[in-house]
Protein backbone atom coordinates (compact mmCIF):
# COMPACT_ATOMS: atom_id res chain seq x y z
CA UNK A 1 24.26 -6.86 16.08
CA UNK A 2 20.62 -7.16 17.17
CA UNK A 3 19.90 -3.79 15.58
CA UNK A 4 21.26 -4.98 12.23
CA UNK A 5 19.22 -8.17 12.41
CA UNK A 6 16.04 -6.23 13.16
CA UNK A 7 16.79 -3.85 10.29
CA UNK A 8 17.24 -6.73 7.83
CA UNK A 9 14.10 -8.45 9.13
CA UNK A 10 12.10 -5.21 8.75
CA UNK A 11 13.41 -4.83 5.20
CA UNK A 12 12.46 -8.38 4.20
CA UNK A 13 8.96 -8.09 5.67
CA UNK A 14 8.38 -4.66 4.13
CA UNK A 15 9.52 -5.84 0.71
CA UNK A 16 7.28 -8.91 0.99
CA UNK A 17 4.25 -6.75 1.77
CA UNK A 18 5.15 -4.30 -1.00
CA UNK A 19 5.96 -6.72 -3.79
CA UNK A 20 3.80 -9.73 -2.87
CA UNK A 21 0.90 -8.53 -0.71
CA UNK A 22 -0.11 -5.32 -2.45
CA UNK A 23 0.07 -6.64 -6.03
CA UNK A 24 -1.96 -9.70 -4.99
CA UNK A 25 -4.60 -7.43 -3.42
CA UNK A 26 -4.68 -5.16 -6.49
CA UNK A 27 -5.20 -8.12 -8.85
CA UNK A 28 -7.88 -9.62 -6.58
CA UNK A 29 -9.70 -6.28 -6.43
CA UNK A 30 -9.47 -5.84 -10.19
CA UNK A 31 -10.84 -9.31 -10.93
CA UNK A 32 -13.72 -8.99 -8.46
CA UNK A 33 -14.34 -5.28 -9.14
CA UNK A 34 -14.57 -4.71 -5.38
CA UNK A 35 -12.22 -3.98 -2.50
CA UNK A 36 -12.53 -6.06 0.66
CA UNK A 37 -10.25 -3.88 2.78
CA UNK A 38 -11.54 -1.17 5.07
CA UNK A 39 -10.96 2.34 3.72
CA UNK A 40 -9.56 3.30 7.13
CA UNK A 41 -6.90 0.59 6.81
CA UNK A 42 -6.07 1.67 3.25
CA UNK A 43 -5.68 5.33 4.24
CA UNK A 44 -3.65 4.38 7.34
CA UNK A 45 -1.28 2.28 5.22
CA UNK A 46 -0.97 5.06 2.66
CA UNK A 47 -0.24 7.63 5.38
CA UNK A 48 2.31 5.34 7.02
CA UNK A 49 4.19 4.67 3.80
CA UNK A 50 3.98 8.33 2.77
CA UNK A 51 5.50 9.40 6.09
CA UNK A 52 8.19 6.74 5.71
CA UNK A 53 8.96 8.04 2.21
CA UNK A 54 9.22 11.60 3.46
CA UNK A 55 11.41 10.51 6.37
CA UNK A 56 13.69 8.55 4.05
CA UNK A 57 14.03 11.51 1.69
CA UNK A 58 14.75 13.92 4.53
CA UNK A 59 17.69 11.86 5.84
CA UNK A 60 18.51 11.10 2.82
CA UNK A 61 18.30 7.36 3.30
CA UNK A 62 17.87 5.49 0.03
CA UNK A 63 17.44 2.22 1.88
CA UNK A 64 14.22 3.45 3.51
CA UNK A 65 12.98 5.14 0.36
CA UNK A 66 13.40 1.99 -1.75
CA UNK A 67 11.00 0.19 0.58
CA UNK A 68 8.53 2.99 1.26
CA UNK A 69 7.98 4.76 -2.09
CA UNK A 70 6.73 1.69 -4.03
CA UNK A 71 4.50 0.71 -1.09
CA UNK A 72 3.08 4.24 -1.01
CA UNK A 73 2.27 4.08 -4.72
CA UNK A 74 0.66 0.64 -4.46
CA UNK A 75 -1.42 1.70 -1.44
CA UNK A 76 -2.59 4.70 -3.50
CA UNK A 77 -3.65 2.29 -6.28
CA UNK A 78 -5.72 0.29 -3.77
CA UNK A 79 -7.31 3.50 -2.49
CA UNK A 80 -8.11 4.44 -6.08
CA UNK A 81 -9.69 1.02 -6.62
CA UNK A 82 -11.79 1.46 -3.49
CA UNK A 83 -13.06 4.82 -4.74
CA UNK A 84 -13.70 3.51 -8.27
CA UNK A 85 -15.44 0.28 -7.30
CA UNK A 86 -17.41 1.92 -4.49
CA UNK A 87 -18.92 4.40 -6.94
CA UNK A 88 -19.83 1.62 -9.39
CA UNK A 89 -21.46 -0.53 -6.71
CA UNK A 90 -23.63 2.34 -5.42
CA UNK A 91 -24.81 3.43 -8.88
CA UNK A 92 -28.39 2.38 -9.53
CA UNK A 93 -29.36 0.82 -12.81
CA UNK A 94 -32.56 2.32 -14.26
CA UNK A 95 -35.31 -0.16 -15.11
């Protein structure tokens, strides 16, 4: 019983991060043309969700994959934004 409750709680929190947190961060980054998150945190999140996706596909457990694959893709978008906006902010404008 406790195990089921924890599983449902994990699912709800993971879906909230995936479908509320990441899109909000992506839009905020896009509007400001900068990423406020540490690249270490972005890569750690991407690695975590990628491992979760691989684990879910190896079982095969569609329940895990439904939560992990979209999060992995959205974390990759944030990493791409960090790379894109970092390059733009370090480019010097000739005078």
